[in-house]
């Protein structure tokens, strides 16, 4: 008889021995022929902690973490046991203590990692759950059993940290000057000037290694924006085109007052005019009028335009549009920020553009950085830039700045950092987010493509 069969009949032998010890005056013992695991929990599990000591040096230590708060689901139909909320990173799940409860005091065994031999499970046993393990629950009469596969899930990434993955370098992106990027229709688009000709390259937001050059209605200077339904492109001769698929383009209008597209809400498109004013279209670019401002138009940005639109967290009908850019004045140490609240259902309630002037003593102003680049991410705004302009003493890409209040204040955030091996032109680069909570960093001169994410935003 092999070992497997011997182990399997142990419960029967125990039952027989117990029965022989019961005389006629003893209390009758009842045994059951059904088996089920009713509760599974992990006890304390060791975890490696990476941190810095008081002197700022990297420090590593091991701490014991109580895992009783992590609920394990038991699917009785499929025989699966798993935790919906994954354990933190760096857990030592190759050495776990468990607490298992069964129906009618069933017996628990675990299959060997390398074969089907069984071993009884005790609460003092350390079990390796680095791979899914099979538990066998025997009925207490030994006549029947049920198998369960236990999957202990652990996050591979720490919470509140940005992780970057480098994609294949792209020679076409490396050549682009005045580079910009936009996300539209499941694609990330990079566009800019290459030897006097404007080009656009696109990749699926699930890819990043393969880029396709798109056909354009014009090869002169182009600016782009999107209202979510259409992708708009404005040419150097003020012709506005629209596309629903980035492949076919339709001419919408021509307005010689328009200089460059800067932003769009769900119901309006915005452009800077040749006179330095904000123009607005409420009919998908067919007609344009000068938009309302609450302050002097002389404080509008003149270059490095970034338009960001987010839906209100409290009212799904409201869009918040933020316009950030630089002035030509080299003595201005900050970029300028304007914002607008758009009611997508009641246009009469849409507000004028508001100049967000920095308050006196504000130490968290947005610095004036060359080729300033801003995108929305994690309910806020992220900014990177080249060297400081004018009196700003900053080196290109020295940090990422984050704003929680639509550009009014900017902070260094330890969660966000640029890739260590990033190499790029200081004047041609792009940062954009996609609909799957990923960041895309595109680098001129080197053609590097980086895809990053804040860990908990992409956990499944």
Protein backbone atom coordinates (compact mmCIF):
# COMPACT_ATOMS: atom_id res chain seq x y z
CA UNK A 1 0.00 0.00 0.00
CA UNK A 2 1.48 3.37 -0.98
CA UNK A 3 1.89 6.32 1.33
CA UNK A 4 -1.02 8.21 -0.18
CA UNK A 5 -3.47 5.45 0.64
CA UNK A 6 -2.06 5.02 4.15
CA UNK A 7 -2.57 8.70 4.91
CA UNK A 8 -6.06 8.66 3.46
CA UNK A 9 -7.26 5.89 5.81
CA UNK A 10 -5.75 7.43 8.96
CA UNK A 11 -9.08 9.05 9.90
CA UNK A 12 -10.81 5.65 9.56
CA UNK A 13 -8.28 3.98 11.84
CA UNK A 14 -8.68 6.69 14.45
CA UNK A 15 -12.44 6.35 14.32
CA UNK A 16 -12.20 2.58 14.81
CA UNK A 17 -9.88 2.95 17.82
CA UNK A 18 -12.15 5.50 19.41
CA UNK A 19 -15.19 3.31 18.85
CA UNK A 20 -13.55 0.31 20.55
CA UNK A 21 -12.99 2.36 23.69
CA UNK A 22 -16.67 3.21 24.11
CA UNK A 23 -18.60 0.77 26.35
CA UNK A 24 -22.34 0.40 26.47
CA UNK A 25 -22.68 3.11 29.14
CA UNK A 26 -20.69 5.76 27.21
CA UNK A 27 -22.22 8.71 25.35
CA UNK A 28 -22.77 7.90 21.69
CA UNK A 29 -20.37 9.69 19.31
CA UNK A 30 -21.82 10.77 15.95
CA UNK A 31 -19.66 10.99 12.86
CA UNK A 32 -20.46 12.84 9.65
CA UNK A 33 -19.80 12.02 6.03
CA UNK A 34 -19.67 15.58 4.64
CA UNK A 35 -16.59 17.81 4.49
CA UNK A 36 -16.02 21.54 3.92
CA UNK A 37 -13.60 24.29 4.87
CA UNK A 38 -15.70 27.09 6.39
CA UNK A 39 -12.99 29.61 7.29
CA UNK A 40 -9.39 30.28 6.20
CA UNK A 41 -7.17 33.02 7.61
CA UNK A 42 -3.48 33.80 7.73
CA UNK A 43 -1.81 34.50 11.03
CA UNK A 44 1.21 36.79 11.30
CA UNK A 45 3.48 36.84 8.24
CA UNK A 46 6.95 38.38 8.00
CA UNK A 47 7.50 41.29 5.64
CA UNK A 48 10.69 42.97 4.43
CA UNK A 49 10.53 46.75 4.86
CA UNK A 50 12.63 49.11 2.76
CA UNK A 51 12.99 52.61 4.20
CA UNK A 52 15.48 55.32 5.11
CA UNK A 53 16.96 55.97 8.53
CA UNK A 54 17.22 59.37 10.24
CA UNK A 55 20.36 60.10 8.22
CA UNK A 56 18.64 59.40 4.91
CA UNK A 57 20.44 56.11 4.26
CA UNK A 58 18.61 53.11 2.83
CA UNK A 59 17.59 50.66 5.54
CA UNK A 60 16.10 47.17 5.36
CA UNK A 61 14.47 45.23 8.16
CA UNK A 62 11.94 42.43 8.65
CA UNK A 63 8.71 42.98 10.55
CA UNK A 64 5.86 40.63 11.45
CA UNK A 65 2.52 41.73 9.97
CA UNK A 66 -0.83 40.54 11.31
CA UNK A 67 -2.90 39.33 8.34
CA UNK A 68 -6.13 38.54 10.16
CA UNK A 69 -7.77 41.55 8.51
CA UNK A 70 -7.32 40.13 5.01
CA UNK A 71 -10.50 38.20 4.22
CA UNK A 72 -10.22 34.99 2.21
CA UNK A 73 -13.18 34.02 0.04
CA UNK A 74 -14.15 30.35 -0.18
CA UNK A 75 -15.85 29.21 -3.37
CA UNK A 76 -17.41 25.88 -2.40
CA UNK A 77 -18.50 25.12 -5.97
CA UNK A 78 -15.11 25.49 -7.63
CA UNK A 79 -13.00 24.59 -4.60
CA UNK A 80 -11.04 27.86 -4.57
CA UNK A 81 -9.79 29.91 -1.61
CA UNK A 82 -8.34 33.35 -2.33
CA UNK A 83 -7.98 36.87 -0.94
CA UNK A 84 -9.70 39.64 -2.93
CA UNK A 85 -7.54 42.32 -1.29
CA UNK A 86 -3.94 41.41 -2.06
CA UNK A 87 -1.34 41.43 0.68
CA UNK A 88 1.30 44.20 0.61
CA UNK A 89 4.55 43.79 -1.29
CA UNK A 90 7.57 41.87 0.04
CA UNK A 91 5.55 39.46 2.19
CA UNK A 92 7.29 36.18 3.11
CA UNK A 93 4.41 33.95 2.04
CA UNK A 94 6.74 30.97 1.78
CA UNK A 95 6.42 30.74 5.57
CA UNK A 96 2.82 31.19 6.68
CA UNK A 97 0.89 30.10 9.74
CA UNK A 98 -2.80 29.48 9.05
CA UNK A 99 -6.05 29.06 10.94
CA UNK A 100 -8.55 26.76 9.23
CA UNK A 101 -12.03 25.87 10.43
CA UNK A 102 -14.05 23.00 8.99
CA UNK A 103 -17.61 21.72 9.05
CA UNK A 104 -18.24 19.03 11.66
CA UNK A 105 -14.57 18.96 12.73
CA UNK A 106 -13.20 17.65 9.45
CA UNK A 107 -9.51 16.87 9.04
CA UNK A 108 -7.18 19.08 6.95
CA UNK A 109 -4.23 17.85 4.87
CA UNK A 110 -2.02 19.62 2.34
CA UNK A 111 -0.54 18.18 -0.83
CA UNK A 112 3.20 18.15 -1.23
CA UNK A 113 4.68 20.75 -3.61
CA UNK A 114 6.27 18.08 -5.79
CA UNK A 115 3.80 15.18 -5.66
CA UNK A 116 0.37 14.13 -4.43
CA UNK A 117 1.47 12.90 -1.00
CA UNK A 118 -0.47 14.42 1.90
CA UNK A 119 0.50 15.89 5.24
CA UNK A 120 -1.78 16.80 8.12
CA UNK A 121 -1.98 20.57 8.78
CA UNK A 122 -1.40 21.89 12.28
CA UNK A 123 -1.71 25.54 13.40
CA UNK A 124 1.98 25.49 14.30
CA UNK A 125 3.05 24.38 10.80
CA UNK A 126 4.77 26.90 8.53
CA UNK A 127 3.35 26.51 5.00
CA UNK A 128 4.75 27.74 1.69
CA UNK A 129 2.03 29.64 -0.22
CA UNK A 130 4.37 31.24 -2.76
CA UNK A 131 2.50 29.10 -5.31
CA UNK A 132 -1.12 27.90 -5.18
CA UNK A 133 -1.46 24.92 -2.81
CA UNK A 134 -4.07 22.16 -2.58
CA UNK A 135 -5.77 21.50 0.75
CA UNK A 136 -7.81 18.33 1.29
CA UNK A 137 -10.63 18.35 3.83
CA UNK A 138 -11.75 14.88 5.04
CA UNK A 139 -15.11 14.29 6.65
CA UNK A 140 -14.64 13.18 10.24
CA UNK A 141 -15.85 9.66 9.38
CA UNK A 142 -13.07 9.46 6.77
CA UNK A 143 -15.47 8.36 4.04
CA UNK A 144 -15.41 11.48 1.89
CA UNK A 145 -13.18 14.46 1.12
CA UNK A 146 -13.12 17.75 -0.78
CA UNK A 147 -10.09 19.52 -2.34
CA UNK A 148 -9.47 23.27 -2.30
CA UNK A 149 -6.80 25.26 -4.17
CA UNK A 150 -5.49 28.13 -2.04
CA UNK A 151 -4.16 31.20 -3.87
CA UNK A 152 -2.53 33.79 -1.58
CA UNK A 153 -2.32 36.98 -3.62
CA UNK A 154 0.41 39.57 -3.00
CA UNK A 155 0.89 42.95 -4.67
CA UNK A 156 4.00 43.07 -6.82
CA UNK A 157 4.16 46.86 -6.43
CA UNK A 158 4.11 49.05 -3.35
CA UNK A 159 1.14 51.34 -2.74
CA UNK A 160 1.52 55.05 -3.49
CA UNK A 161 4.52 54.66 -5.79
CA UNK A 162 4.99 55.41 -9.48
CA UNK A 163 6.48 52.62 -11.57
CA UNK A 164 7.94 53.20 -15.02
CA UNK A 165 8.46 50.63 -17.77
CA UNK A 166 10.61 51.50 -20.76
CA UNK A 167 9.24 50.65 -24.18
CA UNK A 168 11.25 50.30 -27.38
CA UNK A 169 13.06 53.48 -28.45
CA UNK A 170 11.47 55.11 -31.49
CA UNK A 171 13.59 56.87 -34.11
CA UNK A 172 10.63 58.89 -35.44
CA UNK A 173 9.80 60.32 -32.02
CA UNK A 174 13.48 61.13 -31.52
CA UNK A 175 13.35 63.52 -34.51
CA UNK A 176 10.31 65.54 -33.40
CA UNK A 177 10.78 69.16 -32.39
CA UNK A 178 8.22 71.16 -30.35
CA UNK A 179 6.75 67.80 -29.41
CA UNK A 180 3.24 67.48 -27.99
CA UNK A 181 1.15 64.45 -27.05
CA UNK A 182 -2.57 63.78 -26.76
CA UNK A 183 -4.70 60.76 -25.86
CA UNK A 184 -7.67 60.06 -28.11
CA UNK A 185 -9.85 57.07 -28.98
CA UNK A 186 -7.66 54.52 -27.19
CA UNK A 187 -4.46 55.84 -28.76
CA UNK A 188 -1.53 57.94 -27.60
CA UNK A 189 -0.49 60.45 -30.27
CA UNK A 190 2.87 62.22 -30.46
CA UNK A 191 3.16 65.10 -32.90
CA UNK A 192 5.70 67.74 -33.81
CA UNK A 193 7.96 69.14 -36.50
CA UNK A 194 10.53 67.02 -38.32
CA UNK A 195 12.77 68.93 -40.74
CA UNK A 196 10.08 71.46 -41.58
CA UNK A 197 7.22 68.96 -41.84
CA UNK A 198 4.68 68.23 -39.11
CA UNK A 199 4.12 64.55 -38.37
CA UNK A 200 1.92 62.52 -36.05
CA UNK A 201 2.67 59.04 -34.72
CA UNK A 202 0.24 56.86 -32.77
CA UNK A 203 0.33 53.74 -30.61
CA UNK A 204 -2.46 51.81 -28.90
CA UNK A 205 -2.54 52.70 -25.21
CA UNK A 206 -2.04 49.00 -24.46
CA UNK A 207 1.18 48.93 -26.53
CA UNK A 208 3.90 51.57 -26.73
CA UNK A 209 6.44 49.58 -28.72
CA UNK A 210 4.85 49.93 -32.16
CA UNK A 211 4.04 53.39 -33.56
CA UNK A 212 2.26 54.19 -36.81
CA UNK A 213 2.56 57.44 -38.74
CA UNK A 214 -0.86 58.96 -39.38
CA UNK A 215 -2.00 60.76 -42.49
CA UNK A 216 -2.54 64.48 -41.90
CA UNK A 217 -4.62 67.05 -43.75
CA UNK A 218 -1.69 69.49 -43.58
CA UNK A 219 2.05 69.16 -43.12
CA UNK A 220 2.57 72.72 -41.88
CA UNK A 221 2.37 73.75 -38.23
CA UNK A 222 -0.40 71.93 -36.40
CA UNK A 223 -1.97 72.17 -32.97
CA UNK A 224 -4.42 69.61 -31.61
CA UNK A 225 -7.12 69.17 -28.98
CA UNK A 226 -10.11 66.89 -28.38
CA UNK A 227 -13.57 67.19 -26.84
CA UNK A 228 -13.74 63.42 -26.38
CA UNK A 229 -15.74 62.81 -29.55
CA UNK A 230 -13.62 64.52 -32.21
CA UNK A 231 -9.90 65.11 -32.60
CA UNK A 232 -9.28 68.64 -33.88
CA UNK A 233 -6.24 69.89 -35.79
CA UNK A 234 -5.56 73.55 -36.64
CA UNK A 235 -3.06 74.30 -39.43
CA UNK A 236 -0.76 77.26 -39.91
CA UNK A 237 -3.20 78.80 -42.42
CA UNK A 238 -6.01 78.65 -39.81
CA UNK A 239 -7.89 75.71 -41.30
CA UNK A 240 -9.63 73.55 -38.71
CA UNK A 241 -10.02 69.83 -39.34
CA UNK A 242 -11.83 67.10 -37.40
CA UNK A 243 -11.45 63.33 -37.19
CA UNK A 244 -13.31 60.58 -35.35
CA UNK A 245 -10.68 57.89 -35.93
CA UNK A 246 -7.33 59.75 -36.46
CA UNK A 247 -7.32 58.41 -40.03
CA UNK A 248 -9.93 60.37 -42.00
CA UNK A 249 -10.02 64.18 -41.69
CA UNK A 250 -12.77 66.64 -42.62
CA UNK A 251 -12.28 70.37 -43.02
CA UNK A 252 -14.62 72.17 -40.60
CA UNK A 253 -13.83 75.85 -41.05
CA UNK A 254 -11.18 78.46 -41.69
CA UNK A 255 -10.80 81.49 -39.40
CA UNK A 256 -7.78 83.71 -39.79
CA UNK A 257 -8.18 84.94 -36.20
CA UNK A 258 -7.13 81.53 -34.87
CA UNK A 259 -3.48 80.89 -34.05
CA UNK A 260 -3.32 77.69 -31.99
CA UNK A 261 -5.72 75.28 -30.29
CA UNK A 262 -5.24 75.15 -26.53
CA UNK A 263 -8.05 73.14 -24.89
CA UNK A 264 -11.56 71.72 -25.11
CA UNK A 265 -14.39 70.83 -22.75
CA UNK A 266 -17.16 68.42 -23.68
CA UNK A 267 -19.16 71.27 -25.26
CA UNK A 268 -16.61 73.94 -26.23
CA UNK A 269 -13.28 74.28 -28.07
CA UNK A 270 -10.72 76.96 -27.20
CA UNK A 271 -7.98 78.58 -29.26
CA UNK A 272 -5.58 81.50 -28.86
CA UNK A 273 -6.12 84.22 -31.41
CA UNK A 274 -3.51 86.10 -33.40
CA UNK A 275 -4.16 89.04 -31.02
CA UNK A 276 -3.48 86.99 -27.89
CA UNK A 277 -7.10 86.45 -26.86
CA UNK A 278 -9.05 83.25 -26.12
CA UNK A 279 -11.53 82.27 -28.83
CA UNK A 280 -14.39 79.85 -28.22
CA UNK A 281 -16.52 77.58 -30.40
CA UNK A 282 -19.70 75.93 -29.13
CA UNK A 283 -20.58 74.18 -32.40
CA UNK A 284 -17.57 71.90 -32.91
CA UNK A 285 -15.45 74.53 -34.59
CA UNK A 286 -17.85 75.90 -37.18
CA UNK A 287 -18.11 79.41 -35.68
CA UNK A 288 -15.86 81.26 -33.23
CA UNK A 289 -16.31 84.16 -30.82
CA UNK A 290 -14.05 85.86 -28.31
CA UNK A 291 -14.49 84.26 -24.87
CA UNK A 292 -15.04 86.16 -21.62
CA UNK A 293 -12.26 86.82 -19.12
CA UNK A 294 -12.48 88.08 -15.55
CA UNK A 295 -9.04 89.76 -15.71
CA UNK A 296 -6.64 91.53 -18.05
CA UNK A 297 -5.96 89.51 -21.23
CA UNK A 298 -2.37 90.70 -20.88
CA UNK A 299 -1.88 87.95 -18.30
CA UNK A 300 -2.83 85.14 -20.65
CA UNK A 301 -0.02 82.69 -21.52
CA UNK A 302 1.86 83.40 -24.72
CA UNK A 303 3.66 80.09 -25.24
CA UNK A 304 4.00 76.52 -23.93
CA UNK A 305 0.20 76.17 -23.81
CA UNK A 306 -1.27 73.29 -21.79
CA UNK A 307 -5.04 72.78 -21.66
CA UNK A 308 -6.41 70.23 -19.21
CA UNK A 309 -10.07 69.31 -18.73
CA UNK A 310 -11.47 67.27 -15.85
CA UNK A 311 -15.02 66.43 -14.86
CA UNK A 312 -16.23 67.73 -11.52
CA UNK A 313 -16.07 65.17 -8.70
CA UNK A 314 -19.39 66.41 -7.31
CA UNK A 315 -21.40 67.16 -10.48
CA UNK A 316 -20.95 65.03 -13.59
CA UNK A 317 -22.40 67.83 -15.77
CA UNK A 318 -19.60 70.24 -14.89
CA UNK A 319 -16.20 70.42 -16.63
CA UNK A 320 -13.22 72.25 -15.13
CA UNK A 321 -10.83 73.56 -17.81
CA UNK A 322 -7.36 74.73 -16.79
CA UNK A 323 -5.00 76.64 -19.13
CA UNK A 324 -1.34 76.81 -18.09
CA UNK A 325 1.56 78.31 -19.98
CA UNK A 326 4.41 80.82 -19.93
CA UNK A 327 4.71 84.52 -20.66
CA UNK A 328 7.42 85.89 -22.94
CA UNK A 329 8.55 88.12 -20.07
CA UNK A 330 11.83 86.54 -18.91
CA UNK A 331 11.58 88.30 -15.55
CA UNK A 332 8.39 86.44 -14.67
CA UNK A 333 9.42 83.59 -12.33
CA UNK A 334 6.14 81.70 -12.61
CA UNK A 335 3.95 80.19 -15.26
CA UNK A 336 0.41 81.59 -15.50
CA UNK A 337 -2.76 79.67 -14.73
CA UNK A 338 -6.32 80.35 -15.91
CA UNK A 339 -9.39 78.22 -15.29
CA UNK A 340 -12.99 78.00 -16.41
CA UNK A 341 -16.08 76.15 -15.13
CA UNK A 342 -18.31 74.82 -17.93
CA UNK A 343 -21.87 73.64 -17.37
CA UNK A 344 -22.34 71.10 -20.17
CA UNK A 345 -26.15 71.04 -19.81
CA UNK A 346 -26.88 74.74 -19.16
CA UNK A 347 -24.53 76.95 -21.22
CA UNK A 348 -25.96 80.10 -19.61
CA UNK A 349 -24.33 79.08 -16.33
CA UNK A 350 -20.89 78.64 -17.90
CA UNK A 351 -18.45 81.04 -16.25
CA UNK A 352 -15.80 83.37 -17.66
CA UNK A 353 -12.13 82.44 -17.63
CA UNK A 354 -10.62 83.23 -14.21
CA UNK A 355 -7.02 84.28 -13.70
CA UNK A 356 -5.60 82.30 -10.78
CA UNK A 357 -3.26 84.86 -9.33
CA UNK A 358 -0.74 83.58 -6.82
CA UNK A 359 -1.30 84.97 -3.35
CA UNK A 360 1.45 86.98 -1.69
CA UNK A 361 3.91 84.72 0.11
CA UNK A 362 2.79 81.61 -1.76
CA UNK A 363 5.84 79.35 -1.86
CA UNK A 364 4.16 76.75 -4.05
CA UNK A 365 3.88 78.63 -7.32
CA UNK A 366 4.33 76.88 -10.65
CA UNK A 367 7.82 77.81 -11.88
CA UNK A 368 8.37 79.12 -15.39
CA UNK A 369 10.04 76.16 -17.11
CA UNK A 370 11.06 75.86 -20.73
CA UNK A 371 8.66 73.74 -22.83
CA UNK A 372 6.40 73.35 -19.82
CA UNK A 373 4.29 70.17 -19.97
CA UNK A 374 1.19 69.48 -17.82
CA UNK A 375 -1.29 66.60 -17.77
CA UNK A 376 -4.06 65.39 -15.50
CA UNK A 377 -3.52 62.40 -13.24
CA UNK A 378 -5.00 60.92 -10.05
CA UNK A 379 -7.53 63.75 -9.54
CA UNK A 380 -4.80 66.36 -9.90
CA UNK A 381 -2.29 67.87 -12.32
CA UNK A 382 1.32 66.83 -12.99
CA UNK A 383 3.98 69.17 -14.35
CA UNK A 384 7.45 68.64 -15.77
CA UNK A 385 9.68 71.03 -17.67
CA UNK A 386 13.06 71.90 -19.10
CA UNK A 387 15.48 74.42 -17.65
CA UNK A 388 14.13 77.35 -15.67
CA UNK A 389 13.28 80.52 -17.59
CA UNK A 390 14.53 83.98 -16.62
CA UNK A 391 15.27 84.13 -12.91
CA UNK A 392 14.13 80.55 -12.21
CA UNK A 393 17.06 78.41 -11.06
CA UNK A 394 15.95 74.95 -12.11
CA UNK A 395 17.52 72.17 -14.13
CA UNK A 396 15.53 70.26 -16.71
CA UNK A 397 13.55 67.33 -15.32
CA UNK A 398 14.88 67.79 -11.80
CA UNK A 399 11.48 66.93 -10.32
CA UNK A 400 7.79 66.33 -10.93
CA UNK A 401 5.36 68.85 -9.46
CA UNK A 402 1.81 67.92 -8.46
CA UNK A 403 -1.22 70.18 -7.93
CA UNK A 404 -4.29 69.13 -5.95
CA UNK A 405 -6.20 72.38 -6.56
CA UNK A 406 -6.28 72.85 -10.35
CA UNK A 407 -2.95 74.63 -10.57
CA UNK A 408 -3.20 77.12 -7.71
CA UNK A 409 -0.48 75.40 -5.65
CA UNK A 410 2.26 73.01 -6.75
CA UNK A 411 4.14 70.56 -4.56
CA UNK A 412 6.94 68.06 -4.83
CA UNK A 413 5.32 64.69 -4.25
CA UNK A 414 7.45 61.72 -3.15
CA UNK A 415 5.11 59.36 -5.01
CA UNK A 416 6.07 60.82 -8.37
CA UNK A 417 9.50 60.75 -9.94
CA UNK A 418 10.96 60.48 -13.43
CA UNK A 419 12.70 57.30 -14.63
CA UNK A 420 16.29 57.07 -13.47
CA UNK A 421 17.58 56.28 -16.97
CA UNK A 422 15.48 58.89 -18.77
CA UNK A 423 17.38 60.84 -21.42
CA UNK A 424 15.69 63.53 -23.48
CA UNK A 425 15.96 66.81 -25.29
CA UNK A 426 15.42 69.67 -22.85
CA UNK A 427 13.10 71.43 -25.28
CA UNK A 428 11.17 68.63 -26.99
CA UNK A 429 9.36 66.08 -24.83
CA UNK A 430 5.79 65.22 -23.86
CA UNK A 431 3.89 63.88 -20.87
CA UNK A 432 0.28 62.68 -21.20
CA UNK A 433 -2.10 60.36 -19.34
CA UNK A 434 -4.48 57.84 -20.88
CA UNK A 435 -7.91 56.49 -19.93
CA UNK A 436 -6.39 53.46 -18.17
CA UNK A 437 -4.58 55.53 -15.52
CA UNK A 438 -1.16 55.29 -17.19
CA UNK A 439 1.33 58.09 -17.79
CA UNK A 440 3.28 58.34 -21.05
CA UNK A 441 6.65 60.11 -21.23
CA UNK A 442 8.07 60.69 -24.72
CA UNK A 443 11.62 61.94 -25.21
CA UNK A 444 13.00 63.95 -28.10
CA UNK A 445 16.55 63.27 -29.39
CA UNK A 446 16.70 59.79 -27.80
CA UNK A 447 13.26 58.50 -28.81
CA UNK A 448 12.76 56.94 -25.40
CA UNK A 449 9.20 55.91 -24.59
CA UNK A 450 8.22 55.35 -20.96
CA UNK A 451 4.90 54.10 -19.61
CA UNK A 452 4.26 54.65 -15.92
CA UNK A 453 1.51 54.32 -13.37
CA UNK A 454 0.68 54.97 -9.75
CA UNK A 455 0.48 51.44 -8.41
CA UNK A 456 -2.92 51.41 -6.71
CA UNK A 457 -4.66 53.04 -9.70
CA UNK A 458 -3.99 49.98 -11.86
CA UNK A 459 -4.43 47.21 -9.28
CA UNK A 460 -7.06 44.72 -10.36
